[in-house]
C-alpha cells in the first residue's frame, strides 16, 4: 500500500506547521502541509483504495496519528467512499467525531454523515438526539450537516435541531446555527426570515447576523 505516513512526513514544513498549529489554537500538531499539497500527496492512496470496501482499520490508524493532516486525509477518504457506507457505520463516524474533536474535523466528517443520513432517513432520529447531546460537537453536526442540501433540506429537522439549541452561549453552536440558516436562505429566504423573526429572543446576535447575511 502507498505509504502515506512516510510520504507526508517527508514533505513536512516546520514553518508552516507552527503557523497552522497557532491557527488551530495549539490544539493539534501539524506537519505543515497545506490543503492543495496534502491532496496531491494523498491522491495515489485514495485512487488505490477507491474500488475497495472501506478500510476502517486505516481510518482509525490515521485518526491516531498526532499530526492533524492525517485526520484530514481520513475525512477525505471517507467522503470518497461514502457510497459504501452502511447504516451501522453512523456509530463509527460518531466515535471519530468525538475523538480529537474541533471544528475542522467536525466540519469535514459531517459531509459523510450527511450522505449516510440521506440514504437512511431513519437515522434522523439519531441526529435529533445529537442535537440535545451534552457534547457540543454532536450538536454542531446536527445543526450544520444539511448545509449543502439546498432544496433537499429537511426543514422540519433543521427547525427542530436549532430550536433544541436556542439560548446557547457556545460559540461553535451559535456559529453553526448562523451557518445553517445562511446556507438555507439561498434557496428559501422567506422561511429563514420568518424563523429568525419568530425565534429572535433565543437566537444569539452571532446566529442572527450570520443567518441574515443573504436576506
N, C-alpha and C. Protein backbone atom coordinates (compact mmCIF):
# COMPACT_ATOMS: atom_id res chain seq x y z
N UNK A 1 0.85 -1.21 0.00
CA UNK A 1 0.00 0.00 0.00
C UNK A 1 0.87 1.25 0.00
N UNK A 2 0.42 2.25 -0.70
CA UNK A 2 1.08 3.55 -0.75
C UNK A 2 1.32 4.04 0.67
N UNK A 3 2.57 4.33 1.01
CA UNK A 3 2.93 4.68 2.38
C UNK A 3 2.68 6.16 2.65
N UNK A 4 1.44 6.48 2.98
CA UNK A 4 1.05 7.88 3.14
C UNK A 4 1.75 8.53 4.33
N UNK A 5 2.00 7.77 5.37
CA UNK A 5 2.67 8.35 6.54
C UNK A 5 4.08 8.81 6.20
N UNK A 6 4.81 7.95 5.54
CA UNK A 6 6.19 8.28 5.17
C UNK A 6 6.21 9.44 4.18
N UNK A 7 5.33 9.42 3.20
CA UNK A 7 5.29 10.47 2.19
C UNK A 7 5.00 11.82 2.83
N UNK A 8 4.00 11.88 3.69
CA UNK A 8 3.65 13.15 4.32
C UNK A 8 4.78 13.65 5.22
N UNK A 9 5.35 12.77 5.99
CA UNK A 9 6.40 13.19 6.92
C UNK A 9 7.64 13.66 6.17
N UNK A 10 7.86 13.12 4.98
CA UNK A 10 8.99 13.57 4.17
C UNK A 10 8.73 14.94 3.54
N UNK A 11 7.48 15.38 3.56
CA UNK A 11 7.12 16.68 2.99
C UNK A 11 6.74 17.70 4.06
N UNK A 12 7.14 17.43 5.27
CA UNK A 12 6.82 18.34 6.37
C UNK A 12 7.50 19.69 6.18
N UNK A 13 6.84 20.72 6.68
CA UNK A 13 7.38 22.08 6.61
C UNK A 13 7.22 22.71 7.99
N UNK A 14 8.33 22.85 8.69
CA UNK A 14 8.29 23.28 10.09
C UNK A 14 7.69 24.67 10.27
N UNK A 15 7.99 25.58 9.37
CA UNK A 15 7.45 26.94 9.48
C UNK A 15 5.93 26.93 9.32
N UNK A 16 5.46 26.22 8.29
CA UNK A 16 4.02 26.11 8.08
C UNK A 16 3.34 25.41 9.26
N UNK A 17 4.02 24.39 9.79
CA UNK A 17 3.45 23.62 10.89
C UNK A 17 3.18 24.51 12.10
N UNK A 18 4.11 25.40 12.39
CA UNK A 18 3.95 26.30 13.53
C UNK A 18 2.77 27.25 13.31
N UNK A 19 2.67 27.79 12.10
CA UNK A 19 1.57 28.71 11.78
C UNK A 19 0.22 28.00 11.85
N UNK A 20 0.17 26.77 11.33
CA UNK A 20 -1.08 26.02 11.31
C UNK A 20 -1.50 25.64 12.73
N UNK A 21 -0.52 25.31 13.54
CA UNK A 21 -0.82 24.95 14.93
C UNK A 21 -1.37 26.16 15.68
N UNK A 22 -0.77 27.31 15.45
CA UNK A 22 -1.26 28.53 16.10
C UNK A 22 -2.68 28.86 15.64
N UNK A 23 -2.94 28.69 14.35
CA UNK A 23 -4.26 28.98 13.80
C UNK A 23 -5.32 28.11 14.46
N UNK A 24 -4.94 26.89 14.80
CA UNK A 24 -5.87 25.97 15.44
C UNK A 24 -5.77 26.03 16.97
N UNK A 25 -5.32 27.19 17.46
CA UNK A 25 -5.27 27.47 18.90
C UNK A 25 -4.43 26.45 19.67
N UNK A 26 -3.41 25.90 18.98
CA UNK A 26 -2.47 24.96 19.59
C UNK A 26 -3.12 23.67 20.09
N UNK A 27 -4.26 23.34 19.52
CA UNK A 27 -4.93 22.10 19.91
C UNK A 27 -4.25 20.86 19.32
N UNK A 28 -3.61 21.02 18.15
CA UNK A 28 -3.04 19.86 17.45
C UNK A 28 -1.69 20.20 16.85
N UNK A 29 -0.90 19.17 16.68
CA UNK A 29 0.36 19.31 15.94
C UNK A 29 0.06 19.18 14.45
N UNK A 30 0.94 19.77 13.65
CA UNK A 30 0.81 19.71 12.20
C UNK A 30 2.15 19.37 11.57
N UNK A 31 2.08 18.79 10.37
CA UNK A 31 3.29 18.60 9.57
C UNK A 31 3.60 19.85 8.77
N UNK A 32 2.61 20.71 8.61
CA UNK A 32 2.82 21.94 7.86
C UNK A 32 2.55 21.78 6.37
N UNK A 33 1.70 20.82 6.03
CA UNK A 33 1.37 20.57 4.62
C UNK A 33 0.00 21.20 4.33
N UNK A 34 -0.02 22.18 3.46
CA UNK A 34 -1.26 22.89 3.16
C UNK A 34 -2.19 22.02 2.32
N UNK A 35 -3.45 22.43 2.26
CA UNK A 35 -4.51 21.57 1.69
C UNK A 35 -4.22 21.07 0.28
N UNK A 36 -3.81 21.98 -0.61
CA UNK A 36 -3.57 21.57 -2.00
C UNK A 36 -2.47 20.53 -2.09
N UNK A 37 -1.41 20.73 -1.35
CA UNK A 37 -0.29 19.79 -1.37
C UNK A 37 -0.69 18.47 -0.72
N UNK A 38 -1.45 18.55 0.36
CA UNK A 38 -1.90 17.33 1.03
C UNK A 38 -2.74 16.47 0.10
N UNK A 39 -3.64 17.11 -0.65
CA UNK A 39 -4.50 16.37 -1.57
C UNK A 39 -3.68 15.76 -2.71
N UNK A 40 -2.67 16.48 -3.14
CA UNK A 40 -1.79 15.96 -4.19
C UNK A 40 -1.05 14.72 -3.70
N UNK A 41 -0.54 14.78 -2.47
CA UNK A 41 0.23 13.67 -1.91
C UNK A 41 -0.64 12.46 -1.57
N UNK A 42 -1.88 12.72 -1.20
CA UNK A 42 -2.76 11.61 -0.80
C UNK A 42 -3.53 11.02 -1.99
N UNK A 43 -3.48 11.67 -3.13
CA UNK A 43 -4.24 11.22 -4.30
C UNK A 43 -3.93 9.78 -4.70
N UNK A 44 -2.65 9.36 -4.74
CA UNK A 44 -2.37 7.97 -5.11
C UNK A 44 -2.98 6.96 -4.15
N UNK A 45 -2.98 7.28 -2.85
CA UNK A 45 -3.58 6.38 -1.88
C UNK A 45 -5.08 6.28 -2.09
N UNK A 46 -5.74 7.40 -2.24
CA UNK A 46 -7.19 7.40 -2.43
C UNK A 46 -7.58 6.68 -3.72
N UNK A 47 -6.77 6.86 -4.75
CA UNK A 47 -7.02 6.17 -6.01
C UNK A 47 -6.87 4.67 -5.85
N UNK A 48 -5.87 4.27 -5.10
CA UNK A 48 -5.60 2.85 -4.86
C UNK A 48 -6.75 2.18 -4.11
N UNK A 49 -7.39 2.92 -3.21
CA UNK A 49 -8.43 2.35 -2.35
C UNK A 49 -9.84 2.55 -2.88
N UNK A 50 -9.99 3.30 -3.96
CA UNK A 50 -11.30 3.74 -4.43
C UNK A 50 -12.28 2.60 -4.66
N UNK A 51 -11.84 1.52 -5.26
CA UNK A 51 -12.74 0.43 -5.63
C UNK A 51 -12.86 -0.65 -4.56
N UNK A 52 -12.28 -0.39 -3.41
CA UNK A 52 -12.33 -1.36 -2.32
C UNK A 52 -13.37 -0.96 -1.28
N UNK A 53 -13.72 -1.90 -0.41
CA UNK A 53 -14.59 -1.57 0.71
C UNK A 53 -13.86 -0.62 1.66
N UNK A 54 -14.61 0.04 2.49
CA UNK A 54 -14.00 0.98 3.43
C UNK A 54 -13.06 0.24 4.39
N UNK A 55 -11.85 0.71 4.47
CA UNK A 55 -10.85 0.13 5.37
C UNK A 55 -10.89 0.92 6.69
N UNK A 56 -11.70 0.45 7.62
CA UNK A 56 -11.87 1.17 8.89
C UNK A 56 -10.61 1.10 9.74
N UNK A 57 -9.81 0.06 9.55
CA UNK A 57 -8.54 -0.02 10.28
C UNK A 57 -7.62 1.12 9.85
N UNK A 58 -7.60 1.40 8.56
CA UNK A 58 -6.82 2.52 8.05
C UNK A 58 -7.34 3.84 8.62
N UNK A 59 -8.64 4.01 8.61
CA UNK A 59 -9.24 5.26 9.12
C UNK A 59 -8.84 5.47 10.58
N UNK A 60 -8.97 4.44 11.38
CA UNK A 60 -8.64 4.56 12.80
C UNK A 60 -7.16 4.79 13.00
N UNK A 61 -6.34 4.17 12.15
CA UNK A 61 -4.89 4.35 12.23
C UNK A 61 -4.51 5.80 11.93
N UNK A 62 -5.13 6.37 10.90
CA UNK A 62 -4.87 7.77 10.56
C UNK A 62 -5.35 8.70 11.68
N UNK A 63 -6.45 8.32 12.30
CA UNK A 63 -7.00 9.17 13.37
C UNK A 63 -6.10 9.17 14.61
N UNK A 64 -5.33 8.12 14.77
CA UNK A 64 -4.44 8.02 15.94
C UNK A 64 -3.17 8.85 15.78
N UNK A 65 -2.84 9.22 14.56
CA UNK A 65 -1.61 9.99 14.34
C UNK A 65 -1.72 11.37 14.99
N UNK A 66 -0.59 11.87 15.48
CA UNK A 66 -0.58 13.15 16.17
C UNK A 66 -0.85 14.33 15.25
N UNK A 67 -0.31 14.26 14.05
CA UNK A 67 -0.41 15.41 13.14
C UNK A 67 -1.79 15.46 12.48
N UNK A 68 -2.34 16.65 12.44
CA UNK A 68 -3.72 16.85 12.02
C UNK A 68 -3.97 16.47 10.56
N UNK A 69 -2.97 16.58 9.73
CA UNK A 69 -3.15 16.26 8.31
C UNK A 69 -3.68 14.83 8.10
N UNK A 70 -3.32 13.93 9.01
CA UNK A 70 -3.76 12.55 8.86
C UNK A 70 -5.27 12.41 9.09
N UNK A 71 -5.81 13.21 10.01
CA UNK A 71 -7.26 13.18 10.20
C UNK A 71 -7.98 13.78 8.99
N UNK A 72 -7.36 14.78 8.37
CA UNK A 72 -7.96 15.37 7.17
C UNK A 72 -8.03 14.34 6.04
N UNK A 73 -6.97 13.57 5.89
CA UNK A 73 -6.95 12.55 4.85
C UNK A 73 -8.00 11.47 5.14
N UNK A 74 -8.15 11.10 6.39
CA UNK A 74 -9.18 10.12 6.77
C UNK A 74 -10.57 10.63 6.38
N UNK A 75 -10.82 11.92 6.62
CA UNK A 75 -12.11 12.50 6.26
C UNK A 75 -12.30 12.52 4.74
N UNK A 76 -11.25 12.86 4.01
CA UNK A 76 -11.32 12.86 2.55
C UNK A 76 -11.60 11.45 2.02
N UNK A 77 -10.95 10.48 2.63
CA UNK A 77 -11.13 9.09 2.22
C UNK A 77 -12.56 8.62 2.48
N UNK A 78 -13.08 8.93 3.64
CA UNK A 78 -14.45 8.52 3.97
C UNK A 78 -15.46 9.15 3.02
N UNK A 79 -15.25 10.41 2.68
CA UNK A 79 -16.18 11.06 1.77
C UNK A 79 -16.07 10.46 0.37
N UNK A 80 -14.86 10.12 -0.03
CA UNK A 80 -14.69 9.47 -1.34
C UNK A 80 -15.45 8.15 -1.37
N UNK A 81 -15.44 7.42 -0.25
CA UNK A 81 -16.05 6.10 -0.17
C UNK A 81 -17.49 6.14 0.36
N UNK A 82 -18.09 7.31 0.40
CA UNK A 82 -19.38 7.49 1.06
C UNK A 82 -20.47 6.55 0.55
N UNK A 83 -20.42 6.19 -0.74
CA UNK A 83 -21.46 5.32 -1.29
C UNK A 83 -21.39 3.90 -0.73
N UNK A 84 -20.30 3.60 -0.04
CA UNK A 84 -20.14 2.27 0.55
C UNK A 84 -20.45 2.26 2.04
N UNK A 85 -20.83 3.41 2.57
CA UNK A 85 -21.21 3.48 3.98
C UNK A 85 -22.50 2.71 4.21
N UNK A 86 -22.55 2.01 5.34
CA UNK A 86 -23.74 1.27 5.75
C UNK A 86 -24.41 1.98 6.93
N UNK A 87 -25.66 1.68 7.12
CA UNK A 87 -26.42 2.31 8.21
C UNK A 87 -25.69 2.20 9.54
N UNK A 88 -25.12 1.05 9.81
CA UNK A 88 -24.43 0.81 11.08
C UNK A 88 -23.16 1.64 11.23
N UNK A 89 -22.68 2.22 10.13
CA UNK A 89 -21.44 2.99 10.18
C UNK A 89 -21.62 4.35 10.84
N UNK A 90 -22.84 4.76 11.09
CA UNK A 90 -23.05 6.03 11.78
C UNK A 90 -22.37 6.01 13.15
N UNK A 91 -22.41 4.89 13.80
CA UNK A 91 -21.78 4.78 15.12
C UNK A 91 -20.26 4.95 15.01
N UNK A 92 -19.68 4.43 13.94
CA UNK A 92 -18.23 4.58 13.74
C UNK A 92 -17.87 6.05 13.46
N UNK A 93 -18.70 6.69 12.65
CA UNK A 93 -18.48 8.10 12.36
C UNK A 93 -18.64 8.94 13.62
N UNK A 94 -19.58 8.58 14.44
CA UNK A 94 -19.79 9.29 15.70
C UNK A 94 -18.56 9.17 16.60
N UNK A 95 -17.99 7.98 16.69
CA UNK A 95 -16.81 7.78 17.53
C UNK A 95 -15.64 8.62 17.04
N UNK A 96 -15.50 8.73 15.72
CA UNK A 96 -14.44 9.58 15.17
C UNK A 96 -14.70 11.04 15.51
N UNK A 97 -15.95 11.46 15.38
CA UNK A 97 -16.30 12.84 15.67
C UNK A 97 -16.00 13.21 17.12
N UNK A 98 -16.13 12.25 18.00
CA UNK A 98 -15.92 12.50 19.43
C UNK A 98 -14.46 12.44 19.84
N UNK A 99 -13.60 12.04 18.91
CA UNK A 99 -12.18 11.90 19.24
C UNK A 99 -11.37 12.96 18.51
N UNK A 100 -10.54 13.68 19.24
CA UNK A 100 -9.75 14.78 18.67
C UNK A 100 -10.67 15.81 18.02
N UNK A 101 -11.75 16.13 18.70
CA UNK A 101 -12.78 16.99 18.14
C UNK A 101 -12.36 18.45 18.09
N UNK A 102 -12.60 19.05 16.96
CA UNK A 102 -12.51 20.50 16.80
C UNK A 102 -13.27 20.84 15.53
N UNK A 103 -13.51 22.11 15.27
CA UNK A 103 -14.39 22.47 14.17
C UNK A 103 -13.92 21.94 12.83
N UNK A 104 -12.60 21.80 12.64
CA UNK A 104 -12.10 21.39 11.33
C UNK A 104 -12.46 19.94 11.00
N UNK A 105 -12.27 19.05 11.96
CA UNK A 105 -12.62 17.65 11.71
C UNK A 105 -14.14 17.47 11.67
N UNK A 106 -14.85 18.17 12.54
CA UNK A 106 -16.31 18.08 12.58
C UNK A 106 -16.93 18.54 11.27
N UNK A 107 -16.42 19.67 10.75
CA UNK A 107 -16.99 20.24 9.53
C UNK A 107 -16.58 19.49 8.27
N UNK A 108 -15.73 18.48 8.44
CA UNK A 108 -15.35 17.63 7.31
C UNK A 108 -16.06 16.28 7.39
N UNK A 109 -16.04 15.68 8.55
CA UNK A 109 -16.66 14.35 8.68
C UNK A 109 -18.17 14.44 8.57
N UNK A 110 -18.74 15.61 8.82
CA UNK A 110 -20.20 15.73 8.73
C UNK A 110 -20.70 15.57 7.29
N UNK A 111 -19.81 15.74 6.31
CA UNK A 111 -20.23 15.53 4.92
C UNK A 111 -20.59 14.07 4.69
N UNK A 112 -19.81 13.18 5.27
CA UNK A 112 -20.10 11.75 5.13
C UNK A 112 -21.35 11.38 5.92
N UNK A 113 -21.53 12.00 7.08
CA UNK A 113 -22.72 11.77 7.88
C UNK A 113 -23.96 12.23 7.12
N UNK A 114 -23.86 13.38 6.46
CA UNK A 114 -24.99 13.91 5.69
C UNK A 114 -25.40 12.93 4.60
N UNK A 115 -24.41 12.37 3.91
CA UNK A 115 -24.73 11.42 2.84
C UNK A 115 -25.40 10.18 3.42
N UNK A 116 -24.88 9.70 4.54
CA UNK A 116 -25.42 8.48 5.15
C UNK A 116 -26.86 8.69 5.60
N UNK A 117 -27.14 9.84 6.21
CA UNK A 117 -28.50 10.13 6.66
C UNK A 117 -29.45 10.28 5.48
N UNK A 118 -28.96 10.81 4.39
CA UNK A 118 -29.79 10.94 3.19
C UNK A 118 -30.18 9.56 2.65
N UNK A 119 -29.26 8.61 2.74
CA UNK A 119 -29.55 7.25 2.26
C UNK A 119 -30.44 6.47 3.23
N UNK A 120 -30.32 6.79 4.50
CA UNK A 120 -31.09 6.08 5.53
C UNK A 120 -31.83 7.11 6.38
N UNK A 121 -32.96 7.61 5.90
CA UNK A 121 -33.68 8.68 6.61
C UNK A 121 -34.05 8.34 8.05
N UNK A 122 -34.14 7.06 8.36
CA UNK A 122 -34.48 6.68 9.73
C UNK A 122 -33.41 7.12 10.73
N UNK A 123 -32.21 7.44 10.22
CA UNK A 123 -31.13 7.91 11.09
C UNK A 123 -31.37 9.34 11.59
N UNK A 124 -32.36 10.00 11.04
CA UNK A 124 -32.67 11.36 11.50
C UNK A 124 -33.06 11.37 12.98
N UNK A 125 -33.61 10.25 13.43
CA UNK A 125 -33.95 10.13 14.85
C UNK A 125 -32.71 10.26 15.71
N UNK A 126 -31.63 9.65 15.25
CA UNK A 126 -30.35 9.73 15.97
C UNK A 126 -29.81 11.16 15.92
N UNK A 127 -29.92 11.79 14.76
CA UNK A 127 -29.45 13.17 14.62
C UNK A 127 -30.19 14.10 15.57
N UNK A 128 -31.47 13.88 15.72
CA UNK A 128 -32.24 14.69 16.67
C UNK A 128 -31.75 14.49 18.09
N UNK A 129 -31.34 13.28 18.41
CA UNK A 129 -30.77 13.02 19.74
C UNK A 129 -29.44 13.76 19.90
N UNK A 130 -28.67 13.80 18.84
CA UNK A 130 -27.40 14.52 18.89
C UNK A 130 -27.62 16.00 19.18
N UNK A 131 -28.72 16.54 18.68
CA UNK A 131 -28.98 17.97 18.86
C UNK A 131 -29.23 18.33 20.32
N UNK A 132 -29.41 17.33 21.16
CA UNK A 132 -29.63 17.56 22.60
C UNK A 132 -28.50 16.96 23.44
N UNK A 133 -27.43 16.59 22.78
CA UNK A 133 -26.32 15.92 23.46
C UNK A 133 -25.58 16.86 24.40
N UNK A 134 -24.89 16.27 25.36
CA UNK A 134 -24.00 17.05 26.23
C UNK A 134 -22.74 17.46 25.49
N UNK A 135 -22.50 16.83 24.35
CA UNK A 135 -21.30 17.11 23.57
C UNK A 135 -21.60 18.18 22.52
N UNK A 136 -20.88 19.28 22.56
CA UNK A 136 -21.18 20.39 21.64
C UNK A 136 -20.93 20.02 20.19
N UNK A 137 -20.00 19.09 19.95
CA UNK A 137 -19.66 18.76 18.56
C UNK A 137 -20.74 17.93 17.90
N UNK A 138 -21.38 17.06 18.65
CA UNK A 138 -22.52 16.33 18.11
C UNK A 138 -23.67 17.30 17.84
N UNK A 139 -23.85 18.25 18.72
CA UNK A 139 -24.86 19.28 18.49
C UNK A 139 -24.56 20.05 17.20
N UNK A 140 -23.31 20.42 17.03
CA UNK A 140 -22.93 21.19 15.84
C UNK A 140 -23.20 20.38 14.57
N UNK A 141 -22.86 19.10 14.59
CA UNK A 141 -23.11 18.26 13.41
C UNK A 141 -24.61 18.24 13.09
N UNK A 142 -25.44 18.09 14.12
CA UNK A 142 -26.88 18.02 13.88
C UNK A 142 -27.40 19.31 13.24
N UNK A 143 -26.75 20.42 13.56
CA UNK A 143 -27.18 21.72 13.05
C UNK A 143 -26.70 21.97 11.63
N UNK A 144 -25.45 21.61 11.34
CA UNK A 144 -24.85 22.00 10.06
C UNK A 144 -24.83 20.91 9.00
N UNK A 145 -25.17 19.68 9.35
CA UNK A 145 -24.94 18.59 8.40
C UNK A 145 -25.73 18.75 7.10
N UNK A 146 -26.81 19.53 7.13
CA UNK A 146 -27.62 19.72 5.92
C UNK A 146 -27.20 20.96 5.11
N UNK A 147 -26.12 21.58 5.48
CA UNK A 147 -25.78 22.89 4.90
C UNK A 147 -25.61 22.87 3.38
N UNK A 148 -25.32 21.72 2.81
CA UNK A 148 -25.14 21.61 1.36
C UNK A 148 -26.34 20.99 0.66
N UNK A 149 -27.40 20.75 1.40
CA UNK A 149 -28.56 20.04 0.85
C UNK A 149 -29.46 20.90 -0.04
N UNK A 150 -29.37 22.21 0.11
CA UNK A 150 -30.16 23.14 -0.70
C UNK A 150 -31.65 22.78 -0.65
N UNK A 151 -32.25 22.53 -1.84
CA UNK A 151 -33.69 22.24 -1.89
C UNK A 151 -34.06 20.93 -1.20
N UNK A 152 -33.08 20.06 -0.99
CA UNK A 152 -33.34 18.77 -0.34
C UNK A 152 -33.34 18.86 1.18
N UNK A 153 -33.11 20.04 1.70
CA UNK A 153 -33.07 20.22 3.15
C UNK A 153 -34.38 19.77 3.80
N UNK A 154 -34.26 18.99 4.85
CA UNK A 154 -35.43 18.60 5.64
C UNK A 154 -35.70 19.75 6.61
N UNK A 155 -36.69 20.57 6.28
CA UNK A 155 -36.95 21.79 7.05
C UNK A 155 -37.36 21.45 8.49
N UNK A 156 -38.12 20.39 8.64
CA UNK A 156 -38.56 20.02 10.00
C UNK A 156 -37.36 19.70 10.88
N UNK A 157 -36.42 18.93 10.35
CA UNK A 157 -35.23 18.59 11.12
C UNK A 157 -34.41 19.85 11.40
N UNK A 158 -34.22 20.69 10.39
CA UNK A 158 -33.46 21.92 10.58
C UNK A 158 -34.07 22.76 11.69
N UNK A 159 -35.38 22.91 11.65
CA UNK A 159 -36.05 23.72 12.67
C UNK A 159 -35.89 23.12 14.06
N UNK A 160 -36.08 21.83 14.16
CA UNK A 160 -36.04 21.18 15.48
C UNK A 160 -34.64 21.21 16.10
N UNK A 161 -33.63 20.96 15.29
CA UNK A 161 -32.27 20.94 15.88
C UNK A 161 -31.85 22.34 16.32
N UNK A 162 -32.29 23.36 15.59
CA UNK A 162 -31.95 24.73 16.01
C UNK A 162 -32.72 25.10 17.26
N UNK A 163 -34.01 24.79 17.29
CA UNK A 163 -34.81 25.09 18.48
C UNK A 163 -34.24 24.40 19.71
N UNK A 164 -33.72 23.19 19.52
CA UNK A 164 -33.09 22.47 20.64
C UNK A 164 -31.82 23.16 21.14
N UNK A 165 -31.34 24.13 20.38
CA UNK A 165 -30.09 24.82 20.77
C UNK A 165 -30.26 26.32 20.93
N UNK A 166 -31.51 26.78 21.04
CA UNK A 166 -31.74 28.19 21.32
C UNK A 166 -31.19 28.54 22.71
N UNK A 167 -30.81 29.79 22.87
CA UNK A 167 -30.27 30.31 24.13
C UNK A 167 -28.91 29.71 24.49
N UNK A 168 -28.22 29.16 23.49
CA UNK A 168 -26.88 28.63 23.73
C UNK A 168 -25.88 29.77 23.88
N UNK A 169 -24.90 29.56 24.74
CA UNK A 169 -23.81 30.53 24.89
C UNK A 169 -22.52 30.01 24.26
N UNK A 170 -22.61 28.85 23.60
CA UNK A 170 -21.43 28.23 23.00
C UNK A 170 -21.19 28.79 21.60
N UNK A 171 -20.01 29.35 21.38
CA UNK A 171 -19.68 29.98 20.10
C UNK A 171 -19.90 29.04 18.92
N UNK A 172 -19.39 27.82 19.00
CA UNK A 172 -19.44 26.91 17.86
C UNK A 172 -20.87 26.44 17.56
N UNK A 173 -21.72 26.47 18.56
CA UNK A 173 -23.14 26.16 18.32
C UNK A 173 -23.81 27.34 17.62
N UNK A 174 -23.60 28.52 18.17
CA UNK A 174 -24.24 29.71 17.60
C UNK A 174 -23.72 30.03 16.20
N UNK A 175 -22.45 29.80 15.99
CA UNK A 175 -21.88 29.98 14.64
C UNK A 175 -22.50 28.97 13.69
N UNK A 176 -22.66 27.74 14.15
CA UNK A 176 -23.25 26.69 13.33
C UNK A 176 -24.69 27.00 12.96
N UNK A 177 -25.45 27.54 13.91
CA UNK A 177 -26.84 27.91 13.63
C UNK A 177 -26.88 28.98 12.54
N UNK A 178 -26.03 29.99 12.68
CA UNK A 178 -25.98 31.04 11.67
C UNK A 178 -25.59 30.51 10.31
N UNK A 179 -24.63 29.59 10.29
CA UNK A 179 -24.16 28.99 9.04
C UNK A 179 -25.27 28.20 8.37
N UNK A 180 -25.99 27.40 9.17
CA UNK A 180 -27.08 26.59 8.63
C UNK A 180 -28.19 27.46 8.05
N UNK A 181 -28.55 28.51 8.78
CA UNK A 181 -29.60 29.41 8.31
C UNK A 181 -29.16 30.17 7.06
N UNK A 182 -27.92 30.62 7.05
CA UNK A 182 -27.40 31.34 5.88
C UNK A 182 -27.42 30.46 4.64
N UNK A 183 -26.99 29.20 4.80
CA UNK A 183 -26.97 28.28 3.66
C UNK A 183 -28.37 28.04 3.12
N UNK A 184 -29.31 27.83 4.03
CA UNK A 184 -30.67 27.55 3.56
C UNK A 184 -31.35 28.79 3.01
N UNK A 185 -30.93 29.96 3.44
CA UNK A 185 -31.54 31.20 2.95
C UNK A 185 -31.29 31.40 1.45
N UNK A 186 -30.31 30.71 0.91
CA UNK A 186 -30.02 30.83 -0.52
C UNK A 186 -31.13 30.21 -1.37
N UNK A 187 -31.88 29.27 -0.78
CA UNK A 187 -32.95 28.61 -1.53
C UNK A 187 -34.34 28.93 -0.97
N UNK A 188 -34.38 29.34 0.30
CA UNK A 188 -35.68 29.63 0.91
C UNK A 188 -35.55 30.80 1.88
N UNK A 189 -35.30 32.00 1.36
CA UNK A 189 -35.07 33.16 2.23
C UNK A 189 -36.28 33.50 3.09
N UNK A 190 -37.48 33.29 2.58
CA UNK A 190 -38.68 33.63 3.35
C UNK A 190 -38.78 32.78 4.62
N UNK A 191 -38.48 31.49 4.48
CA UNK A 191 -38.55 30.61 5.65
C UNK A 191 -37.53 31.06 6.70
N UNK A 192 -36.32 31.35 6.26
CA UNK A 192 -35.27 31.75 7.19
C UNK A 192 -35.63 33.07 7.87
N UNK A 193 -36.13 34.02 7.10
CA UNK A 193 -36.51 35.31 7.68
C UNK A 193 -37.61 35.13 8.73
N UNK A 194 -38.59 34.31 8.41
CA UNK A 194 -39.68 34.06 9.35
C UNK A 194 -39.18 33.32 10.60
N UNK A 195 -38.27 32.38 10.39
CA UNK A 195 -37.73 31.63 11.53
C UNK A 195 -36.98 32.56 12.47
N UNK A 196 -36.16 33.43 11.91
CA UNK A 196 -35.39 34.37 12.73
C UNK A 196 -36.33 35.30 13.49
N UNK A 197 -37.33 35.81 12.82
CA UNK A 197 -38.29 36.72 13.47
C UNK A 197 -39.01 36.02 14.62
N UNK A 198 -39.39 34.77 14.39
CA UNK A 198 -40.16 34.02 15.39
C UNK A 198 -39.32 33.62 16.59
N UNK A 199 -38.01 33.40 16.36
CA UNK A 199 -37.14 32.88 17.42
C UNK A 199 -36.05 33.86 17.84
N UNK A 200 -36.27 35.12 17.55
CA UNK A 200 -35.24 36.14 17.78
C UNK A 200 -34.75 36.17 19.23
N UNK A 201 -35.65 35.97 20.16
CA UNK A 201 -35.29 36.05 21.57
C UNK A 201 -34.29 34.97 21.98
N UNK A 202 -34.37 33.81 21.32
CA UNK A 202 -33.49 32.71 21.70
C UNK A 202 -32.24 32.58 20.85
N UNK A 203 -32.18 33.34 19.76
CA UNK A 203 -31.02 33.29 18.87
C UNK A 203 -29.97 34.31 19.31
N UNK A 204 -28.72 33.93 19.24
CA UNK A 204 -27.65 34.86 19.59
C UNK A 204 -27.50 35.90 18.49
N UNK A 205 -26.85 36.99 18.82
CA UNK A 205 -26.59 38.02 17.81
C UNK A 205 -25.74 37.45 16.68
N UNK A 206 -24.82 36.56 17.04
CA UNK A 206 -23.96 35.93 16.03
C UNK A 206 -24.80 35.11 15.05
N UNK A 207 -25.72 34.32 15.57
CA UNK A 207 -26.57 33.48 14.72
C UNK A 207 -27.43 34.34 13.80
N UNK A 208 -27.99 35.40 14.35
CA UNK A 208 -28.85 36.28 13.55
C UNK A 208 -28.04 36.99 12.47
N UNK A 209 -26.86 37.47 12.84
CA UNK A 209 -26.03 38.16 11.86
C UNK A 209 -25.60 37.24 10.73
N UNK A 210 -25.16 36.05 11.08
CA UNK A 210 -24.73 35.10 10.06
C UNK A 210 -25.91 34.60 9.23
N UNK A 211 -27.01 34.31 9.91
CA UNK A 211 -28.17 33.77 9.21
C UNK A 211 -28.84 34.77 8.29
N UNK A 212 -28.66 36.06 8.58
CA UNK A 212 -29.31 37.11 7.79
C UNK A 212 -28.44 37.65 6.67
N UNK A 213 -27.27 37.12 6.52
CA UNK A 213 -26.28 37.69 5.60
C UNK A 213 -26.81 37.87 4.19
N UNK A 214 -27.60 36.91 3.68
CA UNK A 214 -28.09 36.98 2.30
C UNK A 214 -29.55 37.38 2.19
N UNK A 215 -30.14 37.79 3.31
CA UNK A 215 -31.55 38.18 3.28
C UNK A 215 -31.70 39.62 2.80
